[in-house]
Amino acid sequence: MNNVINVFASQGLLRLEGSKHDKRVNRIHLTDEGDLYCHEVVTPVRGAELQAMAALEPDERRAMIAYVDKFMNALERRMGGLEA
């Protein structure tokens, strides 16, 4: 997650602001560019995802979620040995 945040910050889509009370905490704020990106890209993609999911029957949705969860668990186990 930290890598994604840093990439978006380097692209000017968000900015990090340190907490006044806790040096370990950074607040994440969308920049004007980030807000535009959210409205032009993220929101339409999220809408398409929701429409695609709605096209599936409830049993199909449950099965898909179970398979994706199984895949992600397997991927995490394999990726665990790659961390340096």
PDB file of N, CA and C in Angstrom:
ATOM      1  N   MET A   1       0.826  -1.181   0.000  1.00  0.00           N
ATOM      2  CA  MET A   1       0.000   0.000   0.000  1.00  0.00           C
ATOM      3  C   MET A   1       0.872   1.247   0.000  1.00  0.00           C
ATOM      4  N   ASN A   2       1.938   1.198   0.769  1.00  0.00           N
ATOM      5  CA  ASN A   2       2.847   2.326   0.852  1.00  0.00           C
ATOM      6  C   ASN A   2       3.425   2.666  -0.518  1.00  0.00           C
ATOM      7  N   ASN A   3       3.750   1.641  -1.307  1.00  0.00           N
ATOM      8  CA  ASN A   3       4.285   1.876  -2.657  1.00  0.00           C
ATOM      9  C   ASN A   3       3.270   2.582  -3.543  1.00  0.00           C
ATOM     10  N   VAL A   4       2.020   2.174  -3.461  1.00  0.00           N
ATOM     11  CA  VAL A   4       0.965   2.793  -4.265  1.00  0.00           C
ATOM     12  C   VAL A   4       0.816   4.256  -3.875  1.00  0.00           C
ATOM     13  N   ILE A   5       0.820   4.533  -2.592  1.00  0.00           N
ATOM     14  CA  ILE A   5       0.702   5.909  -2.119  1.00  0.00           C
ATOM     15  C   ILE A   5       1.872   6.751  -2.635  1.00  0.00           C
ATOM     16  N   ASN A   6       3.073   6.205  -2.541  1.00  0.00           N
ATOM     17  CA  ASN A   6       4.248   6.940  -3.008  1.00  0.00           C
ATOM     18  C   ASN A   6       4.209   7.196  -4.511  1.00  0.00           C
ATOM     19  N   VAL A   7       3.730   6.232  -5.284  1.00  0.00           N
ATOM     20  CA  VAL A   7       3.615   6.418  -6.735  1.00  0.00           C
ATOM     21  C   VAL A   7       2.612   7.531  -7.041  1.00  0.00           C
ATOM     22  N   PHE A   8       1.452   7.480  -6.402  1.00  0.00           N
ATOM     23  CA  PHE A   8       0.446   8.517  -6.637  1.00  0.00           C
ATOM     24  C   PHE A   8       0.954   9.889  -6.205  1.00  0.00           C
ATOM     25  N   ALA A   9       1.712   9.925  -5.107  1.00  0.00           N
ATOM     26  CA  ALA A   9       2.280  11.201  -4.653  1.00  0.00           C
ATOM     27  C   ALA A   9       3.285  11.716  -5.673  1.00  0.00           C
ATOM     28  N   SER A  10       4.119  10.820  -6.220  1.00  0.00           N
ATOM     29  CA  SER A  10       5.118  11.246  -7.207  1.00  0.00           C
ATOM     30  C   SER A  10       4.469  11.707  -8.510  1.00  0.00           C
ATOM     31  N   GLN A  11       3.260  11.230  -8.777  1.00  0.00           N
ATOM     32  CA  GLN A  11       2.525  11.650  -9.974  1.00  0.00           C
ATOM     33  C   GLN A  11       1.715  12.919  -9.723  1.00  0.00           C
ATOM     34  N   GLY A  12       1.759  13.418  -8.503  1.00  0.00           N
ATOM     35  CA  GLY A  12       1.033  14.635  -8.172  1.00  0.00           C
ATOM     36  C   GLY A  12      -0.452  14.434  -7.938  1.00  0.00           C
ATOM     37  N   LEU A  13      -0.882  13.183  -7.729  1.00  0.00           N
ATOM     38  CA  LEU A  13      -2.302  12.911  -7.522  1.00  0.00           C
ATOM     39  C   LEU A  13      -2.718  13.071  -6.064  1.00  0.00           C
ATOM     40  N   LEU A  14      -1.754  12.974  -5.166  1.00  0.00           N
ATOM     41  CA  LEU A  14      -2.049  13.187  -3.760  1.00  0.00           C
ATOM     42  C   LEU A  14      -0.835  13.786  -3.074  1.00  0.00           C
ATOM     43  N   ARG A  15      -1.083  14.313  -1.889  1.00  0.00           N
ATOM     44  CA  ARG A  15       0.006  14.861  -1.093  1.00  0.00           C
ATOM     45  C   ARG A  15      -0.110  14.306   0.319  1.00  0.00           C
ATOM     46  N   LEU A  16       1.033  14.157   0.952  1.00  0.00           N
ATOM     47  CA  LEU A  16       1.083  13.653   2.319  1.00  0.00           C
ATOM     48  C   LEU A  16       1.333  14.818   3.264  1.00  0.00           C
ATOM     49  N   GLU A  17       0.628  14.805   4.356  1.00  0.00           N
ATOM     50  CA  GLU A  17       0.768  15.857   5.361  1.00  0.00           C
ATOM     51  C   GLU A  17       0.997  15.191   6.707  1.00  0.00           C
ATOM     52  N   GLY A  18       2.121  15.486   7.343  1.00  0.00           N
ATOM     53  CA  GLY A  18       2.437  14.906   8.638  1.00  0.00           C
ATOM     54  C   GLY A  18       1.477  15.374   9.719  1.00  0.00           C
ATOM     55  N   SER A  19       1.216  14.483  10.647  1.00  0.00           N
ATOM     56  CA  SER A  19       0.354  14.814  11.780  1.00  0.00           C
ATOM     57  C   SER A  19       1.096  15.725  12.749  1.00  0.00           C
ATOM     58  N   LYS A  20       0.404  16.688  13.300  1.00  0.00           N
ATOM     59  CA  LYS A  20       0.987  17.577  14.297  1.00  0.00           C
ATOM     60  C   LYS A  20       1.172  16.862  15.634  1.00  0.00           C
ATOM     61  N   HIS A  21       0.392  15.799  15.845  1.00  0.00           N
ATOM     62  CA  HIS A  21       0.387  15.115  17.132  1.00  0.00           C
ATOM     63  C   HIS A  21       1.197  13.827  17.158  1.00  0.00           C
ATOM     64  N   ASP A  22       1.417  13.217  15.996  1.00  0.00           N
ATOM     65  CA  ASP A  22       2.112  11.929  15.946  1.00  0.00           C
ATOM     66  C   ASP A  22       2.983  11.889  14.700  1.00  0.00           C
ATOM     67  N   LYS A  23       4.269  11.921  14.875  1.00  0.00           N
ATOM     68  CA  LYS A  23       5.215  11.968  13.742  1.00  0.00           C
ATOM     69  C   LYS A  23       5.132  10.724  12.857  1.00  0.00           C
ATOM     70  N   ARG A  24       4.579   9.634  13.380  1.00  0.00           N
ATOM     71  CA  ARG A  24       4.472   8.397  12.602  1.00  0.00           C
ATOM     72  C   ARG A  24       3.299   8.419  11.624  1.00  0.00           C
ATOM     73  N   VAL A  25       2.421   9.388  11.765  1.00  0.00           N
ATOM     74  CA  VAL A  25       1.179   9.434  10.992  1.00  0.00           C
ATOM     75  C   VAL A  25       1.273  10.480   9.886  1.00  0.00           C
ATOM     76  N   ASN A  26       0.887  10.075   8.692  1.00  0.00           N
ATOM     77  CA  ASN A  26       0.754  10.999   7.560  1.00  0.00           C
ATOM     78  C   ASN A  26      -0.693  10.984   7.100  1.00  0.00           C
ATOM     79  N   ARG A  27      -1.233  12.140   6.871  1.00  0.00           N
ATOM     80  CA  ARG A  27      -2.582  12.249   6.308  1.00  0.00           C
ATOM     81  C   ARG A  27      -2.436  12.341   4.788  1.00  0.00           C
ATOM     82  N   ILE A  28      -3.344  11.699   4.098  1.00  0.00           N
ATOM     83  CA  ILE A  28      -3.305  11.654   2.635  1.00  0.00           C
ATOM     84  C   ILE A  28      -4.418  12.553   2.109  1.00  0.00           C
ATOM     85  N   HIS A  29      -4.055  13.465   1.212  1.00  0.00           N
ATOM     86  CA  HIS A  29      -5.020  14.392   0.624  1.00  0.00           C
ATOM     87  C   HIS A  29      -4.914  14.326  -0.895  1.00  0.00           C
ATOM     88  N   LEU A  30      -6.055  14.284  -1.561  1.00  0.00           N
ATOM     89  CA  LEU A  30      -6.051  14.383  -3.017  1.00  0.00           C
ATOM     90  C   LEU A  30      -5.665  15.796  -3.427  1.00  0.00           C
ATOM     91  N   THR A  31      -4.849  15.894  -4.448  1.00  0.00           N
ATOM     92  CA  THR A  31      -4.576  17.197  -5.051  1.00  0.00           C
ATOM     93  C   THR A  31      -5.712  17.494  -6.024  1.00  0.00           C
ATOM     94  N   ASP A  32      -5.694  18.674  -6.630  1.00  0.00           N
ATOM     95  CA  ASP A  32      -6.701  18.985  -7.649  1.00  0.00           C
ATOM     96  C   ASP A  32      -6.602  17.976  -8.799  1.00  0.00           C
ATOM     97  N   GLU A  33      -5.362  17.624  -9.180  1.00  0.00           N
ATOM     98  CA  GLU A  33      -5.173  16.618 -10.237  1.00  0.00           C
ATOM     99  C   GLU A  33      -5.723  15.270  -9.810  1.00  0.00           C
ATOM    100  N   GLY A  34      -5.501  14.908  -8.546  1.00  0.00           N
ATOM    101  CA  GLY A  34      -6.001  13.638  -8.026  1.00  0.00           C
ATOM    102  C   GLY A  34      -7.516  13.592  -8.007  1.00  0.00           C
ATOM    103  N   ASP A  35      -8.126  14.705  -7.655  1.00  0.00           N
ATOM    104  CA  ASP A  35      -9.584  14.788  -7.639  1.00  0.00           C
ATOM    105  C   ASP A  35     -10.145  14.631  -9.057  1.00  0.00           C
ATOM    106  N   LEU A  36      -9.494  15.289 -10.009  1.00  0.00           N
ATOM    107  CA  LEU A  36      -9.912  15.170 -11.411  1.00  0.00           C
ATOM    108  C   LEU A  36      -9.768  13.729 -11.894  1.00  0.00           C
ATOM    109  N   TYR A  37      -8.632  13.100 -11.578  1.00  0.00           N
ATOM    110  CA  TYR A  37      -8.393  11.704 -11.960  1.00  0.00           C
ATOM    111  C   TYR A  37      -9.470  10.794 -11.366  1.00  0.00           C
ATOM    112  N   CYS A  38      -9.799  11.048 -10.120  1.00  0.00           N
ATOM    113  CA  CYS A  38     -10.832  10.250  -9.452  1.00  0.00           C
ATOM    114  C   CYS A  38     -12.160  10.353 -10.185  1.00  0.00           C
ATOM    115  N   HIS A  39     -12.541  11.574 -10.558  1.00  0.00           N
ATOM    116  CA  HIS A  39     -13.825  11.780 -11.234  1.00  0.00           C
ATOM    117  C   HIS A  39     -13.821  11.274 -12.678  1.00  0.00           C
ATOM    118  N   GLU A  40     -12.696  11.401 -13.369  1.00  0.00           N
ATOM    119  CA  GLU A  40     -12.640  11.011 -14.784  1.00  0.00           C
ATOM    120  C   GLU A  40     -12.326   9.538 -14.991  1.00  0.00           C
ATOM    121  N   VAL A  41     -11.590   8.930 -14.063  1.00  0.00           N
ATOM    122  CA  VAL A  41     -11.146   7.548 -14.266  1.00  0.00           C
ATOM    123  C   VAL A  41     -11.713   6.596 -13.215  1.00  0.00           C
ATOM    124  N   VAL A  42     -11.446   6.866 -11.956  1.00  0.00           N
ATOM    125  CA  VAL A  42     -11.796   5.924 -10.892  1.00  0.00           C
ATOM    126  C   VAL A  42     -13.307   5.736 -10.781  1.00  0.00           C
ATOM    127  N   THR A  43     -14.056   6.824 -10.752  1.00  0.00           N
ATOM    128  CA  THR A  43     -15.508   6.723 -10.583  1.00  0.00           C
ATOM    129  C   THR A  43     -16.166   5.943 -11.728  1.00  0.00           C
ATOM    130  N   PRO A  44     -15.841   6.224 -13.004  1.00  0.00           N
ATOM    131  CA  PRO A  44     -16.442   5.425 -14.080  1.00  0.00           C
ATOM    132  C   PRO A  44     -16.041   3.943 -14.036  1.00  0.00           C
ATOM    133  N   VAL A  45     -14.786   3.663 -13.689  1.00  0.00           N
ATOM    134  CA  VAL A  45     -14.349   2.261 -13.603  1.00  0.00           C
ATOM    135  C   VAL A  45     -15.101   1.551 -12.490  1.00  0.00           C
ATOM    136  N   ARG A  46     -15.240   2.216 -11.344  1.00  0.00           N
ATOM    137  CA  ARG A  46     -15.977   1.619 -10.228  1.00  0.00           C
ATOM    138  C   ARG A  46     -17.434   1.368 -10.625  1.00  0.00           C
ATOM    139  N   GLY A  47     -18.033   2.297 -11.339  1.00  0.00           N
ATOM    140  CA  GLY A  47     -19.410   2.099 -11.812  1.00  0.00           C
ATOM    141  C   GLY A  47     -19.519   0.907 -12.744  1.00  0.00           C
ATOM    142  N   ALA A  48     -18.547   0.758 -13.645  1.00  0.00           N
ATOM    143  CA  ALA A  48     -18.546  -0.386 -14.564  1.00  0.00           C
ATOM    144  C   ALA A  48     -18.391  -1.693 -13.796  1.00  0.00           C
ATOM    145  N   GLU A  49     -17.544  -1.696 -12.775  1.00  0.00           N
ATOM    146  CA  GLU A  49     -17.374  -2.895 -11.944  1.00  0.00           C
ATOM    147  C   GLU A  49     -18.687  -3.284 -11.274  1.00  0.00           C
ATOM    148  N   LEU A  50     -19.371  -2.302 -10.723  1.00  0.00           N
ATOM    149  CA  LEU A  50     -20.638  -2.581 -10.046  1.00  0.00           C
ATOM    150  C   LEU A  50     -21.690  -3.105 -11.025  1.00  0.00           C
ATOM    151  N   GLN A  51     -21.736  -2.531 -12.223  1.00  0.00           N
ATOM    152  CA  GLN A  51     -22.685  -3.004 -13.230  1.00  0.00           C
ATOM    153  C   GLN A  51     -22.349  -4.420 -13.675  1.00  0.00           C
ATOM    154  N   ALA A  52     -21.063  -4.701 -13.852  1.00  0.00           N
ATOM    155  CA  ALA A  52     -20.653  -6.050 -14.256  1.00  0.00           C
ATOM    156  C   ALA A  52     -21.002  -7.065 -13.166  1.00  0.00           C
ATOM    157  N   MET A  53     -20.764  -6.683 -11.907  1.00  0.00           N
ATOM    158  CA  MET A  53     -21.089  -7.585 -10.806  1.00  0.00           C
ATOM    159  C   MET A  53     -22.596  -7.821 -10.730  1.00  0.00           C
ATOM    160  N   ALA A  54     -23.377  -6.798 -10.996  1.00  0.00           N
ATOM    161  CA  ALA A  54     -24.833  -6.921 -10.948  1.00  0.00           C
ATOM    162  C   ALA A  54     -25.355  -7.855 -12.041  1.00  0.00           C
ATOM    163  N   ALA A  55     -24.587  -8.026 -13.112  1.00  0.00           N
ATOM    164  CA  ALA A  55     -25.000  -8.909 -14.196  1.00  0.00           C
ATOM    165  C   ALA A  55     -24.852 -10.387 -13.828  1.00  0.00           C
ATOM    166  N   LEU A  56     -24.127 -10.661 -12.746  1.00  0.00           N
ATOM    167  CA  LEU A  56     -23.945 -12.042 -12.300  1.00  0.00           C
ATOM    168  C   LEU A  56     -25.060 -12.443 -11.346  1.00  0.00           C
ATOM    169  N   GLU A  57     -25.388 -13.711 -11.386  1.00  0.00           N
ATOM    170  CA  GLU A  57     -26.349 -14.269 -10.424  1.00  0.00           C
ATOM    171  C   GLU A  57     -25.681 -14.321  -9.052  1.00  0.00           C
ATOM    172  N   PRO A  58     -26.457 -14.305  -7.968  1.00  0.00           N
ATOM    173  CA  PRO A  58     -25.867 -14.356  -6.628  1.00  0.00           C
ATOM    174  C   PRO A  58     -24.894 -15.521  -6.428  1.00  0.00           C
ATOM    175  N   ASP A  59     -25.244 -16.701  -6.927  1.00  0.00           N
ATOM    176  CA  ASP A  59     -24.340 -17.854  -6.789  1.00  0.00           C
ATOM    177  C   ASP A  59     -23.048 -17.639  -7.579  1.00  0.00           C
ATOM    178  N   GLU A  60     -23.146 -16.998  -8.729  1.00  0.00           N
ATOM    179  CA  GLU A  60     -21.955 -16.707  -9.528  1.00  0.00           C
ATOM    180  C   GLU A  60     -21.048 -15.708  -8.815  1.00  0.00           C
ATOM    181  N   ARG A  61     -21.665 -14.715  -8.187  1.00  0.00           N
ATOM    182  CA  ARG A  61     -20.873 -13.726  -7.426  1.00  0.00           C
ATOM    183  C   ARG A  61     -20.141 -14.395  -6.272  1.00  0.00           C
ATOM    184  N   ARG A  62     -20.862 -15.239  -5.526  1.00  0.00           N
ATOM    185  CA  ARG A  62     -20.234 -15.929  -4.397  1.00  0.00           C
ATOM    186  C   ARG A  62     -19.081 -16.811  -4.865  1.00  0.00           C
ATOM    187  N   ALA A  63     -19.290 -17.532  -5.967  1.00  0.00           N
ATOM    188  CA  ALA A  63     -18.236 -18.404  -6.491  1.00  0.00           C
ATOM    189  C   ALA A  63     -17.030 -17.585  -6.950  1.00  0.00           C
ATOM    190  N   MET A  64     -17.285 -16.497  -7.648  1.00  0.00           N
ATOM    191  CA  MET A  64     -16.193 -15.660  -8.123  1.00  0.00           C
ATOM    192  C   MET A  64     -15.380 -15.124  -6.952  1.00  0.00           C
ATOM    193  N   ILE A  65     -16.060 -14.641  -5.931  1.00  0.00           N
ATOM    194  CA  ILE A  65     -15.368 -14.095  -4.758  1.00  0.00           C
ATOM    195  C   ILE A  65     -14.551 -15.179  -4.069  1.00  0.00           C
ATOM    196  N   ALA A  66     -15.104 -16.375  -3.971  1.00  0.00           N
ATOM    197  CA  ALA A  66     -14.378 -17.489  -3.342  1.00  0.00           C
ATOM    198  C   ALA A  66     -13.125 -17.835  -4.141  1.00  0.00           C
ATOM    199  N   TYR A  67     -13.233 -17.872  -5.474  1.00  0.00           N
ATOM    200  CA  TYR A  67     -12.070 -18.197  -6.305  1.00  0.00           C
ATOM    201  C   TYR A  67     -11.017 -17.091  -6.266  1.00  0.00           C
ATOM    202  N   VAL A  68     -11.449 -15.847  -6.281  1.00  0.00           N
ATOM    203  CA  VAL A  68     -10.490 -14.740  -6.199  1.00  0.00           C
ATOM    204  C   VAL A  68      -9.788 -14.778  -4.842  1.00  0.00           C
ATOM    205  N   ASP A  69     -10.531 -15.052  -3.784  1.00  0.00           N
ATOM    206  CA  ASP A  69      -9.945 -15.138  -2.448  1.00  0.00           C
ATOM    207  C   ASP A  69      -8.917 -16.273  -2.392  1.00  0.00           C
ATOM    208  N   LYS A  70      -9.256 -17.412  -2.961  1.00  0.00           N
ATOM    209  CA  LYS A  70      -8.336 -18.553  -2.993  1.00  0.00           C
ATOM    210  C   LYS A  70      -7.076 -18.193  -3.780  1.00  0.00           C
ATOM    211  N   PHE A  71      -7.251 -17.532  -4.916  1.00  0.00           N
ATOM    212  CA  PHE A  71      -6.124 -17.108  -5.730  1.00  0.00           C
ATOM    213  C   PHE A  71      -5.230 -16.135  -4.976  1.00  0.00           C
ATOM    214  N   MET A  72      -5.831 -15.137  -4.333  1.00  0.00           N
ATOM    215  CA  MET A  72      -5.055 -14.133  -3.608  1.00  0.00           C
ATOM    216  C   MET A  72      -4.275 -14.764  -2.455  1.00  0.00           C
ATOM    217  N   ASN A  73      -4.874 -15.717  -1.755  1.00  0.00           N
ATOM    218  CA  ASN A  73      -4.164 -16.410  -0.682  1.00  0.00           C
ATOM    219  C   ASN A  73      -2.967 -17.186  -1.229  1.00  0.00           C
ATOM    220  N   ALA A  74      -3.159 -17.870  -2.348  1.00  0.00           N
ATOM    221  CA  ALA A  74      -2.061 -18.616  -2.964  1.00  0.00           C
ATOM    222  C   ALA A  74      -0.963 -17.671  -3.430  1.00  0.00           C
ATOM    223  N   LEU A  75      -1.349 -16.546  -4.021  1.00  0.00           N
ATOM    224  CA  LEU A  75      -0.375 -15.567  -4.488  1.00  0.00           C
ATOM    225  C   LEU A  75       0.415 -14.984  -3.318  1.00  0.00           C
ATOM    226  N   GLU A  76      -0.274 -14.656  -2.236  1.00  0.00           N
ATOM    227  CA  GLU A  76       0.405 -14.108  -1.059  1.00  0.00           C
ATOM    228  C   GLU A  76       1.414 -15.103  -0.495  1.00  0.00           C
ATOM    229  N   ARG A  77       1.062 -16.400  -0.474  1.00  0.00           N
ATOM    230  CA  ARG A  77       2.003 -17.409   0.029  1.00  0.00           C
ATOM    231  C   ARG A  77       3.253 -17.451  -0.834  1.00  0.00           C
ATOM    232  N   ARG A  78       3.077 -17.376  -2.160  1.00  0.00           N
ATOM    233  CA  ARG A  78       4.222 -17.426  -3.051  1.00  0.00           C
ATOM    234  C   ARG A  78       5.035 -16.142  -3.007  1.00  0.00           C
ATOM    235  N   MET A  79       4.365 -15.019  -2.869  1.00  0.00           N
ATOM    236  CA  MET A  79       5.053 -13.730  -2.818  1.00  0.00           C
ATOM    237  C   MET A  79       5.821 -13.561  -1.503  1.00  0.00           C
ATOM    238  N   GLY A  80       5.384 -14.244  -0.467  1.00  0.00           N
ATOM    239  CA  GLY A  80       6.059 -14.155   0.810  1.00  0.00           C
ATOM    240  C   GLY A  80       7.528 -14.506   0.723  1.00  0.00           C
ATOM    241  N   GLY A  81       7.891 -15.453  -0.144  1.00  0.00           N
ATOM    242  CA  GLY A  81       9.285 -15.855  -0.295  1.00  0.00           C
ATOM    243  C   GLY A  81      10.075 -14.894  -1.158  1.00  0.00           C
ATOM    244  N   LEU A  82       9.409 -13.928  -1.805  1.00  0.00           N
ATOM    245  CA  LEU A  82      10.092 -12.992  -2.698  1.00  0.00           C
ATOM    246  C   LEU A  82      10.498 -11.696  -2.020  1.00  0.00           C
ATOM    247  N   GLU A  83       9.938 -11.457  -0.830  1.00  0.00           N
ATOM    248  CA  GLU A  83      10.230 -10.193  -0.146  1.00  0.00           C
ATOM    249  C   GLU A  83      11.673 -10.168   0.313  1.00  0.00           C
ATOM    250  N   ALA A  84      12.298  -9.027   0.123  1.00  0.00           N
ATOM    251  CA  ALA A  84      13.698  -8.898   0.549  1.00  0.00           C
ATOM    252  C   ALA A  84      13.858  -7.806   1.570  1.00  0.00           C
TER     253      ALA A  84
END
